[in-house]
Amino acid sequence: MDAGNGFLHPDRLFPAEPATRTIARDLYETVRNLPIVSPHGHTEPSWFADDKPFEDAASLLVIPDHYLFRMLHSVGVPLDELGVPRLDGKPVAAGRAIWRTFAKHYHLFRGTPSSLWVDHAMSAVLGCTEPLTPDNADALYDHINAQLALPEFRPRALHQRFGIETIATTEGALDPLAHHQKLAADGWIGKVRTTYRPDSVTDPDAVGFRDNLVKFGEITGADVTRWDGLIEAHRRRRAYFRQFGATATDHGVPTAFTADLPPAERQALLDRALKGPLSREEAELFRGQMMTEMAGLSAEDGMVMQIHAGSRRNTDSGLFATRGPNMGADIPTPTDWVGGLNALLSKYGHAPGLRVLLFTLDETTYAREMAPMVGHWPCLMIGPPWWFHDSPLGIRRYLDQVVETAGFANMAGFNDDTRALLSIPARHDVWRREVCRFLAGLVAEHRLSKREAEIVAGELSYGNAKKAYKL
């Protein structure tokens, strides 16, 4: 990967102090061109399967990126004007109109990581020579659209240009993986791979949960009315996902709670879930038991288990009713990792085949809980800063609080976890620059030799992610 700079300063994010900045710059040169390993994210598999040109600047850069439209929504810009689809199918803005609205409000992103990502995509990737403003919006829109019409800007060409060694998409347990079937036929599995996300059949609060279980039984041939049959359905479905490159599962849960119930209580809980809505406490117990079961399956089949905990989803009920999920109204909540994972770790914490990656939105747990936990349990690794904290300052806080207790080897490297394809080089570049900034400080303080820092920079930029995800 050579992320390039475009119109961005080549020393961006490096320390202001000259001597340490020089060390950071030298370290960065050793990792800037390493391949990208993107082991977790939400890009569309259809992009790579169909390899069609992207439609226009707005549909590529604005509509799918809730980091962007949530900011504009927060100051009163109607989502219709940003082209965000409505569930009722009523028309919304498109193309140039969206782009003009975005340009009019682009100043709102000053100081945010989104400005780094978008500026990088527009300049280093798309060849724009000046930042977006209301005055140049039409000219940049036309320029970007002309670029997107070229063969070198199709998804597979960008995959190669960005130096992506592998990229993982994320699909639900009921997904037929039709796009991955096409990728397999084209010899692209490995370059693109899927990830098993079973929330729709492990979370009783998921929309259509009981219908989902019926479908799950139909596609797996397992009796999902029995607890053992439900786990067998997951076992079979996981095997199917592995045919399309999956090395990992992903679990988005409101809390880190896990449980280890006796068999009779598990079955009774499933019986109640199949009959009607569970109480809040019962739903939490069901999710917690399923998390422990998923850990058991990962110990069995070797798939890496990712736990993303601590987000209260869809807090804007009106917006959820009219637009659906992933509309920028998901908010971080406190997370109890020590108490929450107790049942899972008591049962499987020393299982030889188990690897669990932890992701949090509760930064207060980095030094207090997560670093000590991954510094003890052989199965645990700490994932990189996630979502609201995948930012320059978020990365600095993470490194400051995690490294001393967890060490570098217990960190899972970086994943971009994005829906925005063109931001991937920028996100990895920000991580690499911040890692080099952090390591430069250790070298300047004579806590690491420069050679040691070069080794660690390579591991955190590339090697650790491959190891963590068993790639």
Protein backbone atom coordinates (compact mmCIF):
# COMPACT_ATOMS: atom_id res chain seq x y z
CA MET A 1 0.00 0.00 0.00
CA ASP A 2 1.22 3.47 -0.87
CA ALA A 3 -1.49 5.68 0.57
CA GLY A 4 -0.05 8.85 -0.93
CA ASN A 5 -0.71 12.35 0.37
CA GLY A 6 -2.71 14.23 -2.23
CA PHE A 7 -3.06 17.77 -0.90
CA LEU A 8 -2.54 16.59 2.71
CA HIS A 9 0.68 17.43 4.54
CA PRO A 10 3.18 14.54 4.44
CA ASP A 11 3.97 14.96 8.15
CA ARG A 12 0.33 14.92 9.29
CA LEU A 13 -0.21 13.41 12.75
CA PHE A 14 3.51 13.20 13.51
CA PRO A 15 4.84 14.89 16.69
CA ALA A 16 5.47 18.63 16.61
CA GLU A 17 8.81 18.20 18.40
CA PRO A 18 11.42 17.97 15.59
CA ALA A 19 13.63 15.14 16.89
CA THR A 20 10.72 12.82 17.69
CA ARG A 21 9.03 13.75 14.42
CA THR A 22 12.13 12.63 12.54
CA ILE A 23 12.04 9.25 14.30
CA ALA A 24 8.32 8.88 13.54
CA ARG A 25 8.92 9.74 9.90
CA ASP A 26 11.71 7.16 9.65
CA LEU A 27 9.55 4.47 11.24
CA TYR A 28 6.65 5.30 8.95
CA GLU A 29 8.83 4.77 5.89
CA THR A 30 9.30 1.14 6.97
CA VAL A 31 5.54 0.42 7.04
CA ARG A 32 3.88 2.83 4.62
CA ASN A 33 4.02 0.37 1.69
CA LEU A 34 3.05 -2.80 3.56
CA PRO A 35 -0.03 -4.58 2.17
CA ILE A 36 -3.41 -3.91 3.71
CA VAL A 37 -4.97 -6.72 5.70
CA SER A 38 -8.63 -5.78 6.23
CA PRO A 39 -9.96 -8.69 8.31
CA HIS A 40 -13.20 -7.06 9.46
CA GLY A 41 -15.47 -4.59 7.73
CA HIS A 42 -18.73 -3.92 5.98
CA THR A 43 -17.94 -3.25 2.33
CA GLU A 44 -20.48 -4.68 -0.11
CA PRO A 45 -19.44 -8.04 -1.59
CA SER A 46 -21.45 -7.18 -4.71
CA TRP A 47 -18.89 -4.48 -5.50
CA PHE A 48 -16.15 -7.05 -5.95
CA ALA A 49 -18.39 -9.78 -7.38
CA ASP A 50 -19.95 -7.63 -10.11
CA ASP A 51 -17.02 -5.21 -10.55
CA LYS A 52 -19.26 -2.52 -11.98
CA PRO A 53 -18.32 1.17 -12.04
CA PHE A 54 -19.52 3.20 -9.08
CA GLU A 55 -22.47 5.38 -10.02
CA ASP A 56 -21.35 8.82 -8.85
CA ALA A 57 -19.52 10.72 -6.12
CA ALA A 58 -22.56 11.01 -3.86
CA SER A 59 -23.59 7.35 -3.94
CA LEU A 60 -20.01 6.28 -3.29
CA LEU A 61 -18.85 8.78 -0.68
CA VAL A 62 -21.95 10.15 1.09
CA ILE A 63 -25.01 7.87 1.05
CA PRO A 64 -23.44 4.74 2.62
CA ASP A 65 -21.34 6.57 5.23
CA HIS A 66 -23.22 7.18 8.47
CA TYR A 67 -20.14 8.94 9.89
CA LEU A 68 -20.94 11.68 7.39
CA PHE A 69 -24.70 11.94 7.32
CA ARG A 70 -25.09 11.68 11.11
CA MET A 71 -23.06 14.90 11.49
CA LEU A 72 -25.21 16.74 8.96
CA HIS A 73 -28.36 15.33 10.55
CA SER A 74 -27.17 16.69 13.92
CA VAL A 75 -27.35 20.27 12.61
CA GLY A 76 -30.73 19.84 10.99
CA VAL A 77 -29.93 18.80 7.42
CA PRO A 78 -32.83 16.54 6.30
CA LEU A 79 -31.69 13.02 5.43
CA ASP A 80 -33.85 13.21 2.29
CA GLU A 81 -31.45 15.87 1.02
CA LEU A 82 -28.55 13.46 1.58
CA GLY A 83 -30.15 10.64 -0.38
CA VAL A 84 -30.55 8.33 2.60
CA PRO A 85 -33.18 5.77 1.51
CA ARG A 86 -36.62 5.69 3.12
CA LEU A 87 -38.40 2.48 4.05
CA ASP A 88 -41.61 3.76 2.46
CA GLY A 89 -39.88 4.15 -0.89
CA LYS A 90 -40.63 7.86 -1.25
CA PRO A 91 -38.13 9.75 -3.40
CA VAL A 92 -35.03 11.34 -1.92
CA ALA A 93 -32.33 13.53 -3.40
CA ALA A 94 -29.77 12.02 -5.74
CA GLY A 95 -26.46 12.74 -7.40
CA ARG A 96 -25.41 16.35 -7.78
CA ALA A 97 -28.04 17.67 -5.37
CA ILE A 98 -26.66 15.48 -2.58
CA TRP A 99 -23.12 16.54 -3.38
CA ARG A 100 -23.97 20.24 -3.25
CA THR A 101 -25.61 19.79 0.16
CA PHE A 102 -22.59 17.86 1.38
CA ALA A 103 -20.19 20.54 0.11
CA LYS A 104 -22.25 23.31 1.72
CA HIS A 105 -21.78 21.67 5.11
CA TYR A 106 -18.35 20.09 4.68
CA HIS A 107 -16.83 22.61 7.10
CA LEU A 108 -18.63 20.75 9.90
CA PHE A 109 -16.01 18.00 9.70
CA ARG A 110 -13.05 20.20 10.64
CA GLY A 111 -11.04 18.42 13.31
CA THR A 112 -12.80 15.08 12.80
CA PRO A 113 -11.29 11.88 11.38
CA SER A 114 -13.91 12.01 8.63
CA SER A 115 -12.19 15.05 7.14
CA LEU A 116 -8.90 13.13 7.04
CA TRP A 117 -10.55 10.17 5.33
CA VAL A 118 -12.59 12.16 2.80
CA ASP A 119 -9.78 14.59 1.96
CA HIS A 120 -7.46 11.64 1.42
CA ALA A 121 -9.97 9.79 -0.77
CA MET A 122 -10.67 12.85 -2.90
CA SER A 123 -7.04 13.88 -3.34
CA ALA A 124 -4.77 10.82 -3.08
CA VAL A 125 -7.25 8.39 -4.66
CA LEU A 126 -9.49 10.46 -6.93
CA GLY A 127 -6.99 13.14 -7.94
CA CYS A 128 -8.78 16.27 -6.71
CA THR A 129 -6.31 19.13 -6.28
CA GLU A 130 -8.17 21.21 -3.69
CA PRO A 131 -10.45 20.59 -0.71
CA LEU A 132 -14.21 20.50 -1.20
CA THR A 133 -16.07 23.81 -0.88
CA PRO A 134 -19.49 25.05 -2.03
CA ASP A 135 -17.75 27.00 -4.80
CA ASN A 136 -15.98 24.01 -6.35
CA ALA A 137 -18.63 21.38 -5.59
CA ASP A 138 -19.84 21.01 -9.18
CA ALA A 139 -16.33 20.92 -10.64
CA LEU A 140 -15.18 18.26 -8.17
CA TYR A 141 -18.37 16.27 -8.68
CA ASP A 142 -17.77 16.18 -12.43
CA HIS A 143 -14.10 15.32 -11.96
CA ILE A 144 -14.84 12.46 -9.56
CA ASN A 145 -17.55 11.05 -11.82
CA ALA A 146 -15.17 11.12 -14.77
CA GLN A 147 -12.61 9.21 -12.71
CA LEU A 148 -15.18 6.64 -11.60
CA ALA A 149 -15.98 5.87 -15.24
CA LEU A 150 -12.40 4.71 -15.84
CA PRO A 151 -11.49 0.99 -15.58
CA GLU A 152 -8.87 1.71 -12.91
CA PHE A 153 -11.58 2.91 -10.53
CA ARG A 154 -13.67 -0.24 -10.60
CA PRO A 155 -13.76 -2.19 -7.32
CA ARG A 156 -11.33 -4.95 -8.25
CA ALA A 157 -8.85 -2.45 -9.67
CA LEU A 158 -9.07 -0.38 -6.48
CA HIS A 159 -8.57 -3.55 -4.42
CA GLN A 160 -5.30 -4.10 -6.27
CA ARG A 161 -4.28 -0.43 -6.28
CA PHE A 162 -4.80 -0.12 -2.53
CA GLY A 163 -2.55 -3.11 -1.93
CA ILE A 164 -5.30 -5.08 -0.22
CA GLU A 165 -4.04 -8.56 0.51
CA THR A 166 -7.40 -9.67 1.85
CA ILE A 167 -10.65 -7.96 2.82
CA ALA A 168 -13.45 -9.49 4.87
CA THR A 169 -17.09 -8.60 4.39
CA THR A 170 -19.73 -9.40 7.02
CA GLU A 171 -22.86 -11.44 6.31
CA GLY A 172 -25.72 -12.67 8.45
CA ALA A 173 -26.34 -16.34 9.18
CA LEU A 174 -29.26 -16.45 6.71
CA ASP A 175 -27.33 -14.89 3.83
CA PRO A 176 -27.00 -17.30 0.87
CA LEU A 177 -23.58 -15.77 0.03
CA ALA A 178 -24.54 -15.44 -3.64
CA HIS A 179 -21.92 -12.76 -4.25
CA HIS A 180 -19.24 -14.88 -2.62
CA GLN A 181 -20.26 -17.79 -4.81
CA LYS A 182 -19.55 -15.58 -7.81
CA LEU A 183 -16.25 -14.49 -6.29
CA ALA A 184 -15.33 -18.15 -5.78
CA ALA A 185 -16.08 -18.89 -9.43
CA ASP A 186 -13.75 -16.05 -10.40
CA GLY A 187 -10.96 -17.22 -8.08
CA TRP A 188 -11.38 -14.21 -5.79
CA ILE A 189 -12.08 -15.96 -2.49
CA GLY A 190 -9.08 -15.15 -0.34
CA LYS A 191 -8.79 -11.69 -1.81
CA VAL A 192 -12.35 -11.20 -0.54
CA ARG A 193 -13.78 -13.40 2.21
CA THR A 194 -16.92 -13.49 4.32
CA THR A 195 -17.44 -13.33 8.10
CA TYR A 196 -20.17 -15.16 10.02
CA ARG A 197 -22.49 -12.70 11.83
CA PRO A 198 -25.29 -14.72 13.50
CA ASP A 199 -26.99 -11.93 15.49
CA SER A 200 -30.32 -12.43 13.69
CA VAL A 201 -30.58 -15.94 15.18
CA THR A 202 -28.77 -15.42 18.50
CA ASP A 203 -30.46 -12.22 19.69
CA PRO A 204 -34.15 -12.52 20.64
CA ASP A 205 -34.49 -8.76 20.20
CA ALA A 206 -33.54 -8.99 16.52
CA VAL A 207 -36.33 -8.06 14.10
CA GLY A 208 -38.20 -11.21 13.05
CA PHE A 209 -36.27 -13.44 15.43
CA ARG A 210 -38.73 -16.35 15.48
CA ASP A 211 -39.15 -16.30 11.70
CA ASN A 212 -35.38 -16.16 11.41
CA LEU A 213 -35.07 -19.32 13.49
CA VAL A 214 -37.54 -21.12 11.22
CA LYS A 215 -35.52 -20.12 8.14
CA PHE A 216 -32.31 -21.09 9.91
CA GLY A 217 -33.66 -24.58 10.49
CA GLU A 218 -34.78 -24.86 6.88
CA ILE A 219 -31.44 -23.91 5.33
CA THR A 220 -29.36 -26.05 7.70
CA GLY A 221 -31.64 -29.05 8.01
CA ALA A 222 -31.31 -28.95 11.80
CA ASP A 223 -34.08 -29.07 14.38
CA VAL A 224 -33.80 -25.58 15.84
CA THR A 225 -36.62 -26.23 18.32
CA ARG A 226 -34.11 -28.25 20.36
CA TRP A 227 -31.17 -26.44 21.95
CA ASP A 228 -28.67 -29.01 20.71
CA GLY A 229 -30.24 -28.79 17.26
CA LEU A 230 -29.91 -25.01 17.27
CA ILE A 231 -26.21 -25.29 18.05
CA GLU A 232 -25.86 -27.92 15.32
CA ALA A 233 -27.45 -25.47 12.87
CA HIS A 234 -24.72 -22.95 13.73
CA ARG A 235 -22.07 -25.63 13.36
CA ARG A 236 -23.27 -26.43 9.84
CA ARG A 237 -23.69 -22.82 8.81
CA ARG A 238 -20.23 -21.89 10.03
CA ALA A 239 -18.81 -24.69 7.91
CA TYR A 240 -20.65 -23.25 4.89
CA PHE A 241 -19.19 -19.80 5.53
CA ARG A 242 -15.69 -21.28 5.77
CA GLN A 243 -16.08 -22.50 2.19
CA PHE A 244 -16.06 -18.82 1.22
CA GLY A 245 -12.97 -17.84 3.16
CA ALA A 246 -14.41 -17.09 6.59
CA THR A 247 -11.87 -17.35 9.39
CA ALA A 248 -13.90 -15.30 11.87
CA THR A 249 -17.31 -14.76 13.41
CA ASP A 250 -18.66 -11.44 14.60
CA HIS A 251 -21.11 -10.73 17.40
CA GLY A 252 -22.64 -7.32 18.08
CA VAL A 253 -24.08 -7.38 21.58
CA PRO A 254 -25.39 -4.63 23.85
CA THR A 255 -23.36 -5.93 26.80
CA ALA A 256 -20.51 -8.38 27.36
CA PHE A 257 -22.72 -10.66 29.48
CA THR A 258 -22.27 -14.42 29.05
CA ALA A 259 -23.97 -17.37 30.76
CA ASP A 260 -23.52 -21.10 31.29
CA LEU A 261 -26.92 -22.58 32.06
CA PRO A 262 -27.73 -26.25 32.74
CA PRO A 263 -29.12 -28.06 29.65
CA ALA A 264 -32.70 -28.10 30.90
CA GLU A 265 -32.70 -24.34 31.48
CA ARG A 266 -31.27 -23.71 28.02
CA GLN A 267 -34.10 -25.69 26.44
CA ALA A 268 -36.72 -23.98 28.56
CA LEU A 269 -35.36 -20.59 27.51
CA LEU A 270 -35.51 -21.59 23.83
CA ASP A 271 -39.06 -22.87 24.27
CA ARG A 272 -40.13 -19.49 25.66
CA ALA A 273 -38.31 -17.64 22.86
CA LEU A 274 -40.14 -19.68 20.22
CA LYS A 275 -43.54 -18.90 21.74
CA GLY A 276 -43.31 -15.15 22.08
CA PRO A 277 -41.26 -12.13 23.12
CA LEU A 278 -38.92 -12.65 26.04
CA SER A 279 -38.58 -10.26 28.95
CA ARG A 280 -35.54 -7.99 28.96
CA GLU A 281 -33.83 -10.26 31.50
CA GLU A 282 -34.65 -13.42 29.53
CA ALA A 283 -33.38 -11.89 26.28
CA GLU A 284 -30.10 -10.97 27.96
CA LEU A 285 -29.81 -14.50 29.34
CA PHE A 286 -30.47 -16.01 25.90
CA ARG A 287 -27.83 -13.79 24.27
CA GLY A 288 -25.38 -14.57 27.06
CA GLN A 289 -25.84 -18.32 26.70
CA MET A 290 -25.48 -18.08 22.92
CA MET A 291 -22.21 -16.19 23.33
CA THR A 292 -20.81 -19.02 25.42
CA GLU A 293 -22.06 -21.54 22.86
CA MET A 294 -20.39 -19.58 20.06
CA ALA A 295 -17.13 -19.65 22.01
CA GLY A 296 -17.48 -23.41 22.30
CA LEU A 297 -17.94 -23.72 18.54
CA SER A 298 -14.92 -21.49 17.94
CA ALA A 299 -12.86 -23.71 20.23
CA GLU A 300 -14.06 -26.61 18.11
CA ASP A 301 -13.69 -25.26 14.56
CA GLY A 302 -10.96 -22.64 15.07
CA MET A 303 -12.91 -19.64 13.81
CA VAL A 304 -11.85 -16.41 15.51
CA MET A 305 -14.63 -14.92 17.66
CA GLN A 306 -15.06 -11.14 17.58
CA ILE A 307 -17.14 -9.49 20.30
CA HIS A 308 -18.28 -5.92 19.66
CA ALA A 309 -20.00 -4.87 22.88
CA GLY A 310 -21.35 -1.68 24.36
CA SER A 311 -23.52 0.00 21.75
CA ARG A 312 -27.14 0.90 22.35
CA ARG A 313 -28.57 0.55 18.88
CA ASN A 314 -31.20 2.61 17.10
CA THR A 315 -31.82 5.08 19.93
CA ASP A 316 -33.79 7.34 17.56
CA SER A 317 -36.98 5.28 17.31
CA GLY A 318 -38.59 7.63 14.81
CA LEU A 319 -35.61 7.46 12.49
CA PHE A 320 -35.44 3.68 12.87
CA ALA A 321 -39.10 3.42 11.89
CA THR A 322 -38.64 5.48 8.72
CA ARG A 323 -35.08 4.59 7.63
CA GLY A 324 -34.09 1.37 9.38
CA PRO A 325 -30.85 0.55 11.24
CA ASN A 326 -27.34 2.02 10.88
CA MET A 327 -28.56 5.60 10.75
CA GLY A 328 -26.01 7.09 13.14
CA ALA A 329 -28.18 6.83 16.26
CA ASP A 330 -26.16 4.07 17.94
CA ILE A 331 -24.60 5.37 21.17
CA PRO A 332 -21.78 3.95 23.36
CA THR A 333 -22.67 2.57 26.78
CA PRO A 334 -20.60 1.38 29.79
CA THR A 335 -19.39 -2.22 29.53
CA ASP A 336 -18.48 -4.73 32.25
CA TRP A 337 -15.94 -7.04 30.63
CA VAL A 338 -14.68 -8.77 33.78
CA GLY A 339 -18.08 -9.76 35.09
CA GLY A 340 -19.63 -10.15 31.67
CA LEU A 341 -17.16 -12.67 30.27
CA ASN A 342 -16.80 -14.64 33.50
CA ALA A 343 -19.05 -17.53 32.43
CA LEU A 344 -17.48 -17.83 28.98
CA LEU A 345 -13.92 -17.70 30.30
CA SER A 346 -14.63 -20.07 33.17
CA LYS A 347 -15.75 -22.67 30.65
CA TYR A 348 -13.52 -22.04 27.64
CA GLY A 349 -10.81 -19.58 28.68
CA HIS A 350 -8.05 -22.17 28.40
CA ALA A 351 -9.40 -24.05 25.36
CA PRO A 352 -6.44 -24.51 22.98
CA GLY A 353 -8.32 -23.65 19.79
CA LEU A 354 -10.14 -20.56 21.02
CA ARG A 355 -9.30 -16.98 20.09
CA VAL A 356 -11.58 -14.12 21.12
CA LEU A 357 -11.03 -10.52 20.01
CA LEU A 358 -12.59 -7.83 22.20
CA PHE A 359 -13.83 -4.49 20.87
CA THR A 360 -15.25 -1.78 23.11
CA LEU A 361 -16.85 1.64 22.92
CA ASP A 362 -16.18 2.15 26.64
CA GLU A 363 -12.67 3.60 26.73
CA THR A 364 -12.67 3.57 30.54
CA THR A 365 -12.21 -0.21 30.39
CA TYR A 366 -8.96 -0.19 28.36
CA ALA A 367 -6.52 -0.04 31.29
CA ARG A 368 -8.87 -1.15 34.07
CA GLU A 369 -10.26 -4.35 32.52
CA MET A 370 -9.33 -5.18 28.95
CA ALA A 371 -5.54 -4.87 29.06
CA PRO A 372 -5.27 -6.92 32.29
CA MET A 373 -7.63 -9.54 30.86
CA VAL A 374 -5.80 -10.02 27.57
CA GLY A 375 -2.57 -9.95 29.56
CA HIS A 376 -3.76 -13.08 31.37
CA TRP A 377 -6.19 -15.19 29.34
CA PRO A 378 -4.49 -17.12 26.49
CA CYS A 379 -7.62 -16.97 24.33
CA LEU A 380 -8.09 -13.18 24.46
CA MET A 381 -6.70 -10.40 22.28
CA ILE A 382 -7.73 -6.75 22.28
CA GLY A 383 -9.05 -5.34 19.04
CA PRO A 384 -8.14 -1.87 17.77
CA PRO A 385 -10.12 1.27 18.61
CA TRP A 386 -13.62 0.87 17.24
CA TRP A 387 -16.17 3.19 15.68
CA PHE A 388 -16.21 6.52 17.56
CA HIS A 389 -12.63 5.93 18.71
CA ASP A 390 -11.09 4.97 15.35
CA SER A 391 -9.48 8.40 15.17
CA PRO A 392 -6.06 9.97 15.76
CA LEU A 393 -6.76 10.87 19.38
CA GLY A 394 -8.71 7.65 19.93
CA ILE A 395 -5.71 5.63 18.78
CA ARG A 396 -3.41 7.63 21.06
CA ARG A 397 -5.63 7.01 24.08
CA TYR A 398 -5.79 3.32 23.22
CA LEU A 399 -2.03 2.86 22.88
CA ASP A 400 -1.34 4.86 26.04
CA GLN A 401 -3.71 2.73 28.11
CA VAL A 402 -3.24 -0.74 26.63
CA VAL A 403 0.41 -1.33 25.81
CA GLU A 404 1.99 -1.24 29.27
CA THR A 405 -0.20 -4.05 30.59
CA ALA A 406 -1.15 -6.03 27.48
CA GLY A 407 2.06 -5.69 25.49
CA PHE A 408 2.16 -5.49 21.72
CA ALA A 409 1.69 -9.20 21.01
CA ASN A 410 -1.78 -9.28 22.59
CA MET A 411 -3.06 -6.58 20.24
CA ALA A 412 -4.95 -7.63 17.11
CA GLY A 413 -3.36 -5.02 14.85
CA PHE A 414 -5.80 -2.91 12.87
CA ASN A 415 -9.04 -3.38 11.01
CA ASP A 416 -10.88 -0.56 9.30
CA ASP A 417 -14.44 -1.83 10.00
CA THR A 418 -15.87 0.44 7.31
CA ARG A 419 -18.56 0.59 4.65
CA ALA A 420 -16.60 3.27 2.78
CA LEU A 421 -14.25 1.55 0.32
CA LEU A 422 -12.27 4.65 -0.61
CA SER A 423 -11.49 5.41 3.03
CA ILE A 424 -9.65 2.13 3.60
CA PRO A 425 -6.15 3.36 2.62
CA ALA A 426 -6.64 6.52 4.70
CA ARG A 427 -7.80 4.61 7.77
CA HIS A 428 -4.86 2.23 7.66
CA ASP A 429 -2.52 5.15 7.02
CA VAL A 430 -3.83 7.02 10.08
CA TRP A 431 -3.28 3.90 12.20
CA ARG A 432 0.26 3.44 10.88
CA ARG A 433 1.14 7.09 11.45
CA GLU A 434 -0.21 7.00 15.00
CA VAL A 435 1.62 3.75 15.76
CA CYS A 436 4.85 5.31 14.50
CA ARG A 437 4.20 8.45 16.53
CA PHE A 438 3.73 6.35 19.69
CA LEU A 439 6.81 4.23 19.03
CA ALA A 440 8.90 7.29 18.21
CA GLY A 441 8.20 8.55 21.72
CA LEU A 442 9.46 5.28 23.19
CA VAL A 443 12.61 5.48 21.07
CA ALA A 444 13.21 9.13 22.00
CA GLU A 445 12.88 8.17 25.68
CA HIS A 446 15.29 5.25 25.15
CA ARG A 447 12.64 2.69 26.11
CA LEU A 448 12.93 0.93 22.75
CA SER A 449 15.73 0.78 20.25
CA LYS A 450 14.92 2.05 16.79
CA ARG A 451 15.25 -1.48 15.41
CA GLU A 452 12.80 -2.79 18.00
CA ALA A 453 10.39 -0.01 17.07
CA GLU A 454 10.66 -0.94 13.38
CA ILE A 455 9.75 -4.54 14.20
CA VAL A 456 6.77 -3.53 16.33
CA ALA A 457 5.57 -1.03 13.70
CA GLY A 458 5.50 -3.82 11.13
CA GLU A 459 3.65 -6.16 13.47
CA LEU A 460 0.98 -3.61 14.40
CA SER A 461 0.56 -2.47 10.78
CA TYR A 462 0.41 -5.92 9.19
CA GLY A 463 1.63 -9.01 11.01
CA ASN A 464 -0.55 -8.96 14.12
CA ALA A 465 -3.78 -8.77 12.13
CA LYS A 466 -2.81 -11.81 10.06
CA LYS A 467 -1.98 -13.77 13.20
CA ALA A 468 -5.04 -12.63 15.14
CA TYR A 469 -7.43 -13.64 12.36
CA LYS A 470 -5.55 -16.83 11.44
CA LEU A 471 -5.00 -15.67 7.87
